[in-house]
Amino acid sequence: MFDNAVVAITGGTGSFGKRLVATLLTRCRPRKVIVFSRDELKQFQMAEEFPPSTWPCMRYFIGDVRDPDRLMEAFRDVEYVIHAAALKQVPAAEYNPFEAVKTNILGGQNVIRACIARGVRRVIALSTDKAANPINLYGATKLCSDKLFVAANAMAGAQDTRFAVVRYGNVVASRGSVIPFFLERRASGRIPVTHPDMTRFSITLQQGVDFVMACMARMHGGEIFVPKLPSYRILDVARAVAPEAAVDVVGIRPGEKVHEVMVPADEAWHTLEFGDHFVIQPTQDWWSREESLLAAGGRPCPDGFSYGSGTNNRWLTVEELRTLVDEFRSTGG
């Protein structure tokens, strides 16, 4: 679907955006790929990696999702938008709360309005597990953003612009995640762990990109897509990285959960399960796709169901985690 298409990626110089661009260029033949971000240095570096001289479809737009006029310029003739721009650091959002609101909520609404005004065909916004029953400001802003993008389908009305959301957790072995942090501390012989019972879902950067591209093809508009993923225990990661090191329990950080949750029990009653993912359906009266999703193999989740990393039925072993650690070390993340 991306062959001869015009694709725009907000926050396109981030880890996800760079991997998505690489995937689009190697697997597809897009007519134009627009990288929209506010960091000129990262754009310069990315343009060296994906130069327009080699990839004439590449375009680099300096801009901020807080600026609706610039979004209107960037989305001219665009068919597909992947909205990955966000302020994501939990402590920074707690200390600068309205800055997170301006980017994650107001910026999201700016993206929605520009997409409708420019007649973009399909839009996917990236979300986070922290939006499910949020306990920190970042999660609360992303929950609000999710609601905006679901409701945007009603704003579009009869126009052929459709919006959906993809929700997944932290990317394992990415820069800033627990694996590089533990690798840095390994030489000291001691590994700090916030809570011995802590668990997380495991998704790689490429798996996240593949899932987003698949959801762009399968979406009707209004869904929140959640991939089925294995879980890992934080103590197992410590054993995989530094089996001889001592473990220091340092306590949970502000705004952090012991377990990730991606489908809360309160949303299970309107969630459908598929082979490799869940679909949280809209509760608005304009949603009329349930029968087609059921026909496609979706199964209603049972009452009281929730999808969390602590109650998962698939767990990564220490050996599997060690493989992820080796891959991170060989590629530099």
C-alpha atoms as a PDB file:
ATOM      1  CA  MET A   1       0.000   0.000   0.000  1.00  0.00           C
ATOM      2  CA  PHE A   2       2.998   2.320   0.379  1.00  0.00           C
ATOM      3  CA  ASP A   3       4.219   1.894  -3.202  1.00  0.00           C
ATOM      4  CA  ASN A   4       3.939   5.226  -5.041  1.00  0.00           C
ATOM      5  CA  ALA A   5       2.421   6.742  -1.894  1.00  0.00           C
ATOM      6  CA  VAL A   6       3.271   9.914   0.025  1.00  0.00           C
ATOM      7  CA  VAL A   7       4.004   9.162   3.695  1.00  0.00           C
ATOM      8  CA  ALA A   8       4.674  11.644   6.511  1.00  0.00           C
ATOM      9  CA  ILE A   9       6.185  10.725   9.880  1.00  0.00           C
ATOM     10  CA  THR A  10       5.991  13.190  12.749  1.00  0.00           C
ATOM     11  CA  GLY A  11       8.872  12.783  15.154  1.00  0.00           C
ATOM     12  CA  GLY A  12      10.565  11.089  12.228  1.00  0.00           C
ATOM     13  CA  THR A  13      14.138  11.470  13.521  1.00  0.00           C
ATOM     14  CA  GLY A  14      13.473   9.330  16.595  1.00  0.00           C
ATOM     15  CA  SER A  15      14.392   5.652  16.886  1.00  0.00           C
ATOM     16  CA  PHE A  16      11.016   4.508  15.585  1.00  0.00           C
ATOM     17  CA  GLY A  17      10.955   7.027  12.743  1.00  0.00           C
ATOM     18  CA  LYS A  18      14.434   6.111  11.528  1.00  0.00           C
ATOM     19  CA  ARG A  19      13.638   2.397  11.521  1.00  0.00           C
ATOM     20  CA  LEU A  20      10.306   3.036   9.768  1.00  0.00           C
ATOM     21  CA  VAL A  21      12.061   5.075   7.070  1.00  0.00           C
ATOM     22  CA  ALA A  22      14.652   2.331   6.559  1.00  0.00           C
ATOM     23  CA  THR A  23      11.877  -0.256   6.284  1.00  0.00           C
ATOM     24  CA  LEU A  24       9.846   1.794   3.820  1.00  0.00           C
ATOM     25  CA  LEU A  25      12.892   2.388   1.616  1.00  0.00           C
ATOM     26  CA  THR A  26      13.961  -1.258   1.538  1.00  0.00           C
ATOM     27  CA  ARG A  27      10.556  -2.940   1.275  1.00  0.00           C
ATOM     28  CA  CYS A  28       8.468  -0.420  -0.660  1.00  0.00           C
ATOM     29  CA  ARG A  29       8.732   2.199  -3.369  1.00  0.00           C
ATOM     30  CA  PRO A  30       7.169   5.308  -1.839  1.00  0.00           C
ATOM     31  CA  ARG A  31       6.795   8.372  -4.020  1.00  0.00           C
ATOM     32  CA  LYS A  32       7.709  10.632  -1.119  1.00  0.00           C
ATOM     33  CA  VAL A  33       8.665  10.157   2.548  1.00  0.00           C
ATOM     34  CA  ILE A  34       8.422  13.290   4.691  1.00  0.00           C
ATOM     35  CA  VAL A  35      10.378  13.364   7.950  1.00  0.00           C
ATOM     36  CA  PHE A  36       8.788  16.013  10.167  1.00  0.00           C
ATOM     37  CA  SER A  37      10.636  16.958  13.357  1.00  0.00           C
ATOM     38  CA  ARG A  38      11.973  19.950  15.250  1.00  0.00           C
ATOM     39  CA  ASP A  39      15.620  18.876  15.735  1.00  0.00           C
ATOM     40  CA  GLU A  40      17.771  20.214  12.899  1.00  0.00           C
ATOM     41  CA  LEU A  41      20.885  18.307  14.027  1.00  0.00           C
ATOM     42  CA  LYS A  42      19.061  14.968  13.992  1.00  0.00           C
ATOM     43  CA  GLN A  43      17.650  15.806  10.570  1.00  0.00           C
ATOM     44  CA  PHE A  44      21.140  16.625   9.305  1.00  0.00           C
ATOM     45  CA  GLN A  45      22.438  13.316  10.643  1.00  0.00           C
ATOM     46  CA  MET A  46      19.488  11.391   9.220  1.00  0.00           C
ATOM     47  CA  ALA A  47      19.931  13.061   5.820  1.00  0.00           C
ATOM     48  CA  GLU A  48      23.496  11.767   5.804  1.00  0.00           C
ATOM     49  CA  GLU A  49      22.194   8.251   6.466  1.00  0.00           C
ATOM     50  CA  PHE A  50      19.323   8.554   3.957  1.00  0.00           C
ATOM     51  CA  PRO A  51      20.522  11.242   1.523  1.00  0.00           C
ATOM     52  CA  PRO A  52      18.069  12.593  -1.060  1.00  0.00           C
ATOM     53  CA  SER A  53      20.766  12.039  -3.683  1.00  0.00           C
ATOM     54  CA  THR A  54      20.446   8.299  -3.121  1.00  0.00           C
ATOM     55  CA  TRP A  55      16.793   8.345  -2.057  1.00  0.00           C
ATOM     56  CA  PRO A  56      15.123  11.119  -4.100  1.00  0.00           C
ATOM     57  CA  CYS A  57      11.814  10.410  -2.352  1.00  0.00           C
ATOM     58  CA  MET A  58      13.161  11.730   0.970  1.00  0.00           C
ATOM     59  CA  ARG A  59      12.058  15.125   2.310  1.00  0.00           C
ATOM     60  CA  TYR A  60      13.109  16.710   5.605  1.00  0.00           C
ATOM     61  CA  PHE A  61      10.778  19.276   7.202  1.00  0.00           C
ATOM     62  CA  ILE A  62      11.797  21.279  10.257  1.00  0.00           C
ATOM     63  CA  GLY A  63       8.657  21.833  12.268  1.00  0.00           C
ATOM     64  CA  ASP A  64       6.825  21.296  15.529  1.00  0.00           C
ATOM     65  CA  VAL A  65       3.429  19.625  15.977  1.00  0.00           C
ATOM     66  CA  ARG A  66       2.549  22.642  18.109  1.00  0.00           C
ATOM     67  CA  ASP A  67       2.560  24.702  14.896  1.00  0.00           C
ATOM     68  CA  PRO A  68      -0.633  23.985  12.921  1.00  0.00           C
ATOM     69  CA  ASP A  69       0.412  26.119   9.924  1.00  0.00           C
ATOM     70  CA  ARG A  70       3.615  24.151   9.441  1.00  0.00           C
ATOM     71  CA  LEU A  71       1.695  20.880   9.636  1.00  0.00           C
ATOM     72  CA  MET A  72      -0.622  22.123   6.911  1.00  0.00           C
ATOM     73  CA  GLU A  73       2.397  22.796   4.703  1.00  0.00           C
ATOM     74  CA  ALA A  74       3.991  19.433   5.466  1.00  0.00           C
ATOM     75  CA  PHE A  75       0.835  17.381   4.828  1.00  0.00           C
ATOM     76  CA  ARG A  76       0.111  18.712   1.352  1.00  0.00           C
ATOM     77  CA  ASP A  77      -0.658  15.706  -0.922  1.00  0.00           C
ATOM     78  CA  VAL A  78       0.137  13.271   1.918  1.00  0.00           C
ATOM     79  CA  GLU A  79      -1.808   9.995   1.934  1.00  0.00           C
ATOM     80  CA  TYR A  80      -0.533   8.314   5.112  1.00  0.00           C
ATOM     81  CA  VAL A  81       0.594   9.845   8.407  1.00  0.00           C
ATOM     82  CA  ILE A  82       2.329   8.056  11.262  1.00  0.00           C
ATOM     83  CA  HIS A  83       2.259  10.318  14.302  1.00  0.00           C
ATOM     84  CA  ALA A  84       5.249   9.450  16.495  1.00  0.00           C
ATOM     85  CA  ALA A  85       6.107  12.912  17.869  1.00  0.00           C
ATOM     86  CA  ALA A  86       5.755  13.202  21.638  1.00  0.00           C
ATOM     87  CA  LEU A  87       7.422  14.317  24.844  1.00  0.00           C
ATOM     88  CA  LYS A  88       8.061  10.880  26.357  1.00  0.00           C
ATOM     89  CA  GLN A  89      10.341  11.225  29.368  1.00  0.00           C
ATOM     90  CA  VAL A  90       8.250  10.651  32.491  1.00  0.00           C
ATOM     91  CA  PRO A  91      10.334  12.828  34.895  1.00  0.00           C
ATOM     92  CA  ALA A  92      10.545  15.667  32.355  1.00  0.00           C
ATOM     93  CA  ALA A  93       6.770  15.602  31.901  1.00  0.00           C
ATOM     94  CA  GLU A  94       6.231  15.715  35.667  1.00  0.00           C
ATOM     95  CA  TYR A  95       8.520  18.737  35.998  1.00  0.00           C
ATOM     96  CA  ASN A  96       7.251  20.504  32.851  1.00  0.00           C
ATOM     97  CA  PRO A  97       3.618  19.378  32.775  1.00  0.00           C
ATOM     98  CA  PHE A  98       2.094  21.886  30.402  1.00  0.00           C
ATOM     99  CA  GLU A  99       4.917  21.416  27.899  1.00  0.00           C
ATOM    100  CA  ALA A 100       3.845  17.767  27.696  1.00  0.00           C
ATOM    101  CA  VAL A 101       0.225  18.868  27.308  1.00  0.00           C
ATOM    102  CA  LYS A 102       1.125  21.274  24.487  1.00  0.00           C
ATOM    103  CA  THR A 103       3.012  18.619  22.516  1.00  0.00           C
ATOM    104  CA  ASN A 104       1.131  15.402  23.294  1.00  0.00           C
ATOM    105  CA  ILE A 105      -2.434  16.722  23.458  1.00  0.00           C
ATOM    106  CA  LEU A 106      -2.618  20.048  21.625  1.00  0.00           C
ATOM    107  CA  GLY A 107      -0.025  18.855  19.111  1.00  0.00           C
ATOM    108  CA  GLY A 108      -2.064  15.716  18.517  1.00  0.00           C
ATOM    109  CA  GLN A 109      -5.159  17.793  17.835  1.00  0.00           C
ATOM    110  CA  ASN A 110      -3.153  19.927  15.401  1.00  0.00           C
ATOM    111  CA  VAL A 111      -2.141  16.764  13.540  1.00  0.00           C
ATOM    112  CA  ILE A 112      -5.774  15.638  13.391  1.00  0.00           C
ATOM    113  CA  ARG A 113      -7.015  18.939  12.004  1.00  0.00           C
ATOM    114  CA  ALA A 114      -4.242  19.140   9.413  1.00  0.00           C
ATOM    115  CA  CYS A 115      -4.906  15.554   8.286  1.00  0.00           C
ATOM    116  CA  ILE A 116      -8.617  16.250   7.829  1.00  0.00           C
ATOM    117  CA  ALA A 117      -7.981  19.561   6.081  1.00  0.00           C
ATOM    118  CA  ARG A 118      -5.453  17.985   3.692  1.00  0.00           C
ATOM    119  CA  GLY A 119      -7.542  14.872   3.019  1.00  0.00           C
ATOM    120  CA  VAL A 120      -4.992  12.381   4.351  1.00  0.00           C
ATOM    121  CA  ARG A 121      -6.338   8.860   3.845  1.00  0.00           C
ATOM    122  CA  ARG A 122      -5.118   7.021   6.931  1.00  0.00           C
ATOM    123  CA  VAL A 123      -3.466   8.117  10.163  1.00  0.00           C
ATOM    124  CA  ILE A 124      -1.939   6.023  12.947  1.00  0.00           C
ATOM    125  CA  ALA A 125      -0.895   7.594  16.238  1.00  0.00           C
ATOM    126  CA  LEU A 126       1.618   5.807  18.445  1.00  0.00           C
ATOM    127  CA  SER A 127       0.551   5.329  22.048  1.00  0.00           C
ATOM    128  CA  THR A 128       2.058   3.643  25.095  1.00  0.00           C
ATOM    129  CA  ASP A 129       1.163   1.172  27.815  1.00  0.00           C
ATOM    130  CA  LYS A 130       1.353   4.130  30.188  1.00  0.00           C
ATOM    131  CA  ALA A 131      -1.913   5.410  28.672  1.00  0.00           C
ATOM    132  CA  ALA A 132      -3.740   2.402  30.168  1.00  0.00           C
ATOM    133  CA  ASN A 133      -4.882   3.392  33.682  1.00  0.00           C
ATOM    134  CA  PRO A 134      -2.241   6.158  33.783  1.00  0.00           C
ATOM    135  CA  ILE A 135      -0.470   7.081  37.004  1.00  0.00           C
ATOM    136  CA  ASN A 136       1.875   9.732  35.587  1.00  0.00           C
ATOM    137  CA  LEU A 137       1.345  12.850  33.501  1.00  0.00           C
ATOM    138  CA  TYR A 138       2.938  11.399  30.379  1.00  0.00           C
ATOM    139  CA  GLY A 139       0.486   8.492  30.458  1.00  0.00           C
ATOM    140  CA  ALA A 140      -2.415  10.867  31.081  1.00  0.00           C
ATOM    141  CA  THR A 141      -1.482  13.026  28.083  1.00  0.00           C
ATOM    142  CA  LYS A 142      -1.215   9.944  25.872  1.00  0.00           C
ATOM    143  CA  LEU A 143      -4.596   8.663  27.068  1.00  0.00           C
ATOM    144  CA  CYS A 144      -6.078  12.024  26.116  1.00  0.00           C
ATOM    145  CA  SER A 145      -4.299  11.838  22.760  1.00  0.00           C
ATOM    146  CA  ASP A 146      -5.702   8.338  22.162  1.00  0.00           C
ATOM    147  CA  LYS A 147      -9.216   9.630  22.823  1.00  0.00           C
ATOM    148  CA  LEU A 148      -8.663  12.518  20.401  1.00  0.00           C
ATOM    149  CA  PHE A 149      -7.500  10.238  17.587  1.00  0.00           C
ATOM    150  CA  VAL A 150     -10.382   7.808  18.084  1.00  0.00           C
ATOM    151  CA  ALA A 151     -12.927  10.633  18.129  1.00  0.00           C
ATOM    152  CA  ALA A 152     -11.266  12.199  15.070  1.00  0.00           C
ATOM    153  CA  ASN A 153     -13.121   9.666  12.915  1.00  0.00           C
ATOM    154  CA  ALA A 154     -16.353  11.446  13.844  1.00  0.00           C
ATOM    155  CA  MET A 155     -14.748  14.813  13.087  1.00  0.00           C
ATOM    156  CA  ALA A 156     -13.859  13.556   9.610  1.00  0.00           C
ATOM    157  CA  GLY A 157     -17.441  12.482   9.021  1.00  0.00           C
ATOM    158  CA  ALA A 158     -18.086  11.241   5.501  1.00  0.00           C
ATOM    159  CA  GLN A 159     -14.624  12.337   4.397  1.00  0.00           C
ATOM    160  CA  ASP A 160     -12.254   9.483   3.602  1.00  0.00           C
ATOM    161  CA  THR A 161      -9.811  10.233   6.420  1.00  0.00           C
ATOM    162  CA  ARG A 162      -9.524   7.536   9.053  1.00  0.00           C
ATOM    163  CA  PHE A 163      -7.598   7.451  12.332  1.00  0.00           C
ATOM    164  CA  ALA A 164      -6.383   4.596  14.537  1.00  0.00           C
ATOM    165  CA  VAL A 165      -3.982   4.099  17.448  1.00  0.00           C
ATOM    166  CA  VAL A 166      -1.223   1.545  18.090  1.00  0.00           C
ATOM    167  CA  ARG A 167      -0.355   0.888  21.735  1.00  0.00           C
ATOM    168  CA  TYR A 168       2.716  -0.980  22.945  1.00  0.00           C
ATOM    169  CA  GLY A 169       5.248  -0.696  25.743  1.00  0.00           C
ATOM    170  CA  ASN A 170       8.922   0.078  26.056  1.00  0.00           C
ATOM    171  CA  VAL A 171      11.139  -1.133  23.220  1.00  0.00           C
ATOM    172  CA  VAL A 172      13.510  -3.724  24.635  1.00  0.00           C
ATOM    173  CA  ALA A 173      17.229  -3.068  24.156  1.00  0.00           C
ATOM    174  CA  SER A 174      16.642   0.403  22.709  1.00  0.00           C
ATOM    175  CA  ARG A 175      18.745   3.332  23.843  1.00  0.00           C
ATOM    176  CA  GLY A 176      17.603   4.459  27.277  1.00  0.00           C
ATOM    177  CA  SER A 177      16.048   1.086  28.132  1.00  0.00           C
ATOM    178  CA  VAL A 178      17.116  -1.258  30.911  1.00  0.00           C
ATOM    179  CA  ILE A 179      19.574  -3.370  28.881  1.00  0.00           C
ATOM    180  CA  PRO A 180      22.054  -0.563  28.027  1.00  0.00           C
ATOM    181  CA  PHE A 181      21.627   0.765  31.571  1.00  0.00           C
ATOM    182  CA  PHE A 182      22.553  -2.604  33.064  1.00  0.00           C
ATOM    183  CA  LEU A 183      25.465  -2.951  30.621  1.00  0.00           C
ATOM    184  CA  GLU A 184      26.846   0.373  31.869  1.00  0.00           C
ATOM    185  CA  ARG A 185      26.632  -0.810  35.471  1.00  0.00           C
ATOM    186  CA  ARG A 186      27.977  -4.315  34.912  1.00  0.00           C
ATOM    187  CA  ALA A 187      31.620  -3.321  35.422  1.00  0.00           C
ATOM    188  CA  SER A 188      30.819  -2.115  38.948  1.00  0.00           C
ATOM    189  CA  GLY A 189      29.698  -5.608  39.951  1.00  0.00           C
ATOM    190  CA  ARG A 190      26.347  -4.319  41.202  1.00  0.00           C
ATOM    191  CA  ILE A 191      23.053  -3.942  39.290  1.00  0.00           C
ATOM    192  CA  PRO A 192      20.358  -1.583  40.647  1.00  0.00           C
ATOM    193  CA  VAL A 193      16.824  -2.989  40.282  1.00  0.00           C
ATOM    194  CA  THR A 194      13.775  -0.919  41.167  1.00  0.00           C
ATOM    195  CA  HIS A 195      11.561  -3.846  42.271  1.00  0.00           C
ATOM    196  CA  PRO A 196      12.304  -7.591  42.282  1.00  0.00           C
ATOM    197  CA  ASP A 197       8.828  -8.464  40.951  1.00  0.00           C
ATOM    198  CA  MET A 198       8.868  -5.961  38.079  1.00  0.00           C
ATOM    199  CA  THR A 199       7.896  -7.246  34.621  1.00  0.00           C
ATOM    200  CA  ARG A 200       7.677  -5.705  31.186  1.00  0.00           C
ATOM    201  CA  PHE A 201       6.479  -6.642  27.715  1.00  0.00           C
ATOM    202  CA  SER A 202       9.171  -7.285  25.115  1.00  0.00           C
ATOM    203  CA  ILE A 203       8.995  -5.707  21.666  1.00  0.00           C
ATOM    204  CA  THR A 204      11.875  -4.867  19.359  1.00  0.00           C
ATOM    205  CA  LEU A 205      12.049  -1.739  17.253  1.00  0.00           C
ATOM    206  CA  GLN A 206      11.513  -3.697  14.043  1.00  0.00           C
ATOM    207  CA  GLN A 207       8.545  -5.557  15.517  1.00  0.00           C
ATOM    208  CA  GLY A 208       6.981  -2.213  16.411  1.00  0.00           C
ATOM    209  CA  VAL A 209       7.489  -0.884  12.884  1.00  0.00           C
ATOM    210  CA  ASP A 210       6.109  -4.071  11.319  1.00  0.00           C
ATOM    211  CA  PHE A 211       3.046  -3.955  13.561  1.00  0.00           C
ATOM    212  CA  VAL A 212       2.307  -0.321  12.720  1.00  0.00           C
ATOM    213  CA  MET A 213       2.586  -1.011   8.986  1.00  0.00           C
ATOM    214  CA  ALA A 214       0.288  -4.027   9.314  1.00  0.00           C
ATOM    215  CA  CYS A 215      -2.272  -2.007  11.289  1.00  0.00           C
ATOM    216  CA  MET A 216      -2.230   0.733   8.654  1.00  0.00           C
ATOM    217  CA  ALA A 217      -3.423  -1.891   6.175  1.00  0.00           C
ATOM    218  CA  ARG A 218      -6.046  -3.529   8.431  1.00  0.00           C
ATOM    219  CA  MET A 219      -7.562  -0.475  10.137  1.00  0.00           C
ATOM    220  CA  HIS A 220     -11.153   0.657   9.590  1.00  0.00           C
ATOM    221  CA  GLY A 221     -10.808   3.781  11.767  1.00  0.00           C
ATOM    222  CA  GLY A 222     -11.253   4.115  15.522  1.00  0.00           C
ATOM    223  CA  GLU A 223      -9.372   1.057  16.720  1.00  0.00           C
ATOM    224  CA  ILE A 224      -6.646   0.878  19.351  1.00  0.00           C
ATOM    225  CA  PHE A 225      -4.372  -1.967  18.244  1.00  0.00           C
ATOM    226  CA  VAL A 226      -2.387  -3.870  20.870  1.00  0.00           C
ATOM    227  CA  PRO A 227       0.183  -6.523  19.828  1.00  0.00           C
ATOM    228  CA  LYS A 228       0.514  -9.827  21.665  1.00  0.00           C
ATOM    229  CA  LEU A 229       4.016  -9.891  23.146  1.00  0.00           C
ATOM    230  CA  PRO A 230       6.128 -12.004  25.483  1.00  0.00           C
ATOM    231  CA  SER A 231       6.996 -10.682  28.925  1.00  0.00           C
ATOM    232  CA  TYR A 232      10.262 -10.633  30.805  1.00  0.00           C
ATOM    233  CA  ARG A 233      11.203 -10.313  34.461  1.00  0.00           C
ATOM    234  CA  ILE A 234      13.580  -7.521  35.353  1.00  0.00           C
ATOM    235  CA  LEU A 235      15.662  -9.878  37.493  1.00  0.00           C
ATOM    236  CA  ASP A 236      16.065 -12.176  34.497  1.00  0.00           C
ATOM    237  CA  VAL A 237      17.420  -9.230  32.482  1.00  0.00           C
ATOM    238  CA  ALA A 238      19.949  -8.596  35.246  1.00  0.00           C
ATOM    239  CA  ARG A 239      20.989 -12.263  35.121  1.00  0.00           C
ATOM    240  CA  ALA A 240      21.279 -12.131  31.338  1.00  0.00           C
ATOM    241  CA  VAL A 241      23.445  -9.003  31.379  1.00  0.00           C
ATOM    242  CA  ALA A 242      25.608  -9.647  34.446  1.00  0.00           C
ATOM    243  CA  PRO A 243      25.061 -13.079  36.005  1.00  0.00           C
ATOM    244  CA  GLU A 244      27.863 -12.594  38.540  1.00  0.00           C
ATOM    245  CA  ALA A 245      26.787  -9.141  39.708  1.00  0.00           C
ATOM    246  CA  ALA A 246      25.006  -8.433  42.963  1.00  0.00           C
ATOM    247  CA  VAL A 247      21.508  -6.968  42.759  1.00  0.00           C
ATOM    248  CA  ASP A 248      20.563  -3.843  44.731  1.00  0.00           C
ATOM    249  CA  VAL A 249      16.822  -3.141  45.124  1.00  0.00           C
ATOM    250  CA  VAL A 250      16.540   0.660  44.953  1.00  0.00           C
ATOM    251  CA  GLY A 251      12.762   1.171  44.917  1.00  0.00           C
ATOM    252  CA  ILE A 252      10.183   2.111  42.293  1.00  0.00           C
ATOM    253  CA  ARG A 253      10.658   5.510  40.697  1.00  0.00           C
ATOM    254  CA  PRO A 254       7.846   8.108  40.751  1.00  0.00           C
ATOM    255  CA  GLY A 255       5.212   7.385  38.107  1.00  0.00           C
ATOM    256  CA  GLU A 256       6.436   3.825  37.497  1.00  0.00           C
ATOM    257  CA  LYS A 257       4.364   0.621  37.616  1.00  0.00           C
ATOM    258  CA  VAL A 258       5.451  -2.842  38.706  1.00  0.00           C
ATOM    259  CA  HIS A 259       3.701  -4.396  35.683  1.00  0.00           C
ATOM    260  CA  GLU A 260       2.777  -2.990  32.288  1.00  0.00           C
ATOM    261  CA  VAL A 261      -0.890  -3.101  31.309  1.00  0.00           C
ATOM    262  CA  MET A 262      -2.039  -2.627  27.720  1.00  0.00           C
ATOM    263  CA  VAL A 263      -5.671  -3.786  27.913  1.00  0.00           C
ATOM    264  CA  PRO A 264      -7.187  -2.838  31.294  1.00  0.00           C
ATOM    265  CA  ALA A 265     -10.097  -4.886  32.633  1.00  0.00           C
ATOM    266  CA  ASP A 266     -12.373  -1.865  32.220  1.00  0.00           C
ATOM    267  CA  GLU A 267     -11.789  -1.985  28.445  1.00  0.00           C
ATOM    268  CA  ALA A 268     -12.049  -5.758  28.018  1.00  0.00           C
ATOM    269  CA  TRP A 269     -15.789  -5.688  27.377  1.00  0.00           C
ATOM    270  CA  HIS A 270     -15.249  -3.881  24.065  1.00  0.00           C
ATOM    271  CA  THR A 271     -11.988  -5.622  23.115  1.00  0.00           C
ATOM    272  CA  LEU A 272     -11.604  -8.330  20.474  1.00  0.00           C
ATOM    273  CA  GLU A 273      -8.786 -10.863  20.432  1.00  0.00           C
ATOM    274  CA  PHE A 274      -7.069 -11.942  17.209  1.00  0.00           C
ATOM    275  CA  GLY A 275      -4.226 -14.368  16.604  1.00  0.00           C
ATOM    276  CA  ASP A 276      -1.406 -11.907  17.161  1.00  0.00           C
ATOM    277  CA  HIS A 277      -3.107  -8.802  18.528  1.00  0.00           C
ATOM    278  CA  PHE A 278      -6.066  -7.244  20.334  1.00  0.00           C
ATOM    279  CA  VAL A 279      -8.390  -4.517  19.066  1.00  0.00           C
ATOM    280  CA  ILE A 280      -9.921  -2.139  21.606  1.00  0.00           C
ATOM    281  CA  GLN A 281     -13.039  -0.950  19.823  1.00  0.00           C
ATOM    282  CA  PRO A 282     -14.527   2.531  20.104  1.00  0.00           C
ATOM    283  CA  THR A 283     -17.551   2.902  22.356  1.00  0.00           C
ATOM    284  CA  GLN A 284     -19.089   5.698  20.273  1.00  0.00           C
ATOM    285  CA  ASP A 285     -22.337   5.053  18.449  1.00  0.00           C
ATOM    286  CA  TRP A 286     -20.734   5.672  15.034  1.00  0.00           C
ATOM    287  CA  TRP A 287     -18.671   2.478  15.332  1.00  0.00           C
ATOM    288  CA  SER A 288     -20.250  -0.203  13.139  1.00  0.00           C
ATOM    289  CA  ARG A 289     -17.342  -2.519  12.334  1.00  0.00           C
ATOM    290  CA  GLU A 290     -17.794  -5.095  15.095  1.00  0.00           C
ATOM    291  CA  GLU A 291     -19.527  -7.619  12.865  1.00  0.00           C
ATOM    292  CA  SER A 292     -16.827  -7.405  10.198  1.00  0.00           C
ATOM    293  CA  LEU A 293     -14.080  -7.783  12.808  1.00  0.00           C
ATOM    294  CA  LEU A 294     -15.842 -10.817  14.256  1.00  0.00           C
ATOM    295  CA  ALA A 295     -16.094 -12.269  10.766  1.00  0.00           C
ATOM    296  CA  ALA A 296     -12.358 -11.671  10.347  1.00  0.00           C
ATOM    297  CA  GLY A 297     -11.668 -13.943  13.311  1.00  0.00           C
ATOM    298  CA  GLY A 298     -11.955 -11.600  16.274  1.00  0.00           C
ATOM    299  CA  ARG A 299     -13.159 -13.136  19.549  1.00  0.00           C
ATOM    300  CA  PRO A 300     -14.732 -11.081  22.349  1.00  0.00           C
ATOM    301  CA  CYS A 301     -12.567 -11.036  25.465  1.00  0.00           C
ATOM    302  CA  PRO A 302     -14.160 -12.594  28.561  1.00  0.00           C
ATOM    303  CA  ASP A 303     -15.482 -10.493  31.414  1.00  0.00           C
ATOM    304  CA  GLY A 304     -12.743  -9.409  33.766  1.00  0.00           C
ATOM    305  CA  PHE A 305      -9.997 -10.003  31.214  1.00  0.00           C
ATOM    306  CA  SER A 306      -6.937  -7.775  31.253  1.00  0.00           C
ATOM    307  CA  TYR A 307      -3.679  -7.939  29.334  1.00  0.00           C
ATOM    308  CA  GLY A 308      -0.699  -7.218  31.542  1.00  0.00           C
ATOM    309  CA  SER A 309       2.950  -8.181  31.586  1.00  0.00           C
ATOM    310  CA  GLY A 310       2.656  -9.801  35.012  1.00  0.00           C
ATOM    311  CA  THR A 311      -0.066 -12.295  34.010  1.00  0.00           C
ATOM    312  CA  ASN A 312       1.190 -13.175  30.549  1.00  0.00           C
ATOM    313  CA  ASN A 313       1.356 -16.742  29.240  1.00  0.00           C
ATOM    314  CA  ARG A 314       4.594 -16.222  27.291  1.00  0.00           C
ATOM    315  CA  TRP A 315       7.874 -15.352  29.012  1.00  0.00           C
ATOM    316  CA  LEU A 316      11.355 -14.768  27.666  1.00  0.00           C
ATOM    317  CA  THR A 317      13.980 -17.016  29.228  1.00  0.00           C
ATOM    318  CA  VAL A 318      17.353 -15.775  30.457  1.00  0.00           C
ATOM    319  CA  GLU A 319      18.908 -17.337  27.355  1.00  0.00           C
ATOM    320  CA  GLU A 320      16.511 -15.478  25.043  1.00  0.00           C
ATOM    321  CA  LEU A 321      17.210 -12.238  26.880  1.00  0.00           C
ATOM    322  CA  ARG A 322      20.936 -12.855  26.546  1.00  0.00           C
ATOM    323  CA  THR A 323      20.445 -13.103  22.781  1.00  0.00           C
ATOM    324  CA  LEU A 324      18.757  -9.674  22.826  1.00  0.00           C
ATOM    325  CA  VAL A 325      21.671  -8.325  24.854  1.00  0.00           C
ATOM    326  CA  ASP A 326      24.163  -9.704  22.324  1.00  0.00           C
ATOM    327  CA  GLU A 327      22.181  -8.190  19.450  1.00  0.00           C
ATOM    328  CA  PHE A 328      22.172  -4.807  21.188  1.00  0.00           C
ATOM    329  CA  ARG A 329      25.933  -4.940  21.756  1.00  0.00           C
ATOM    330  CA  SER A 330      26.635  -5.926  18.152  1.00  0.00           C
ATOM    331  CA  THR A 331      24.433  -3.212  16.642  1.00  0.00           C
ATOM    332  CA  GLY A 332      24.871  -0.470  19.214  1.00  0.00           C
ATOM    333  CA  GLY A 333      21.081  -0.342  19.774  1.00  0.00           C
END
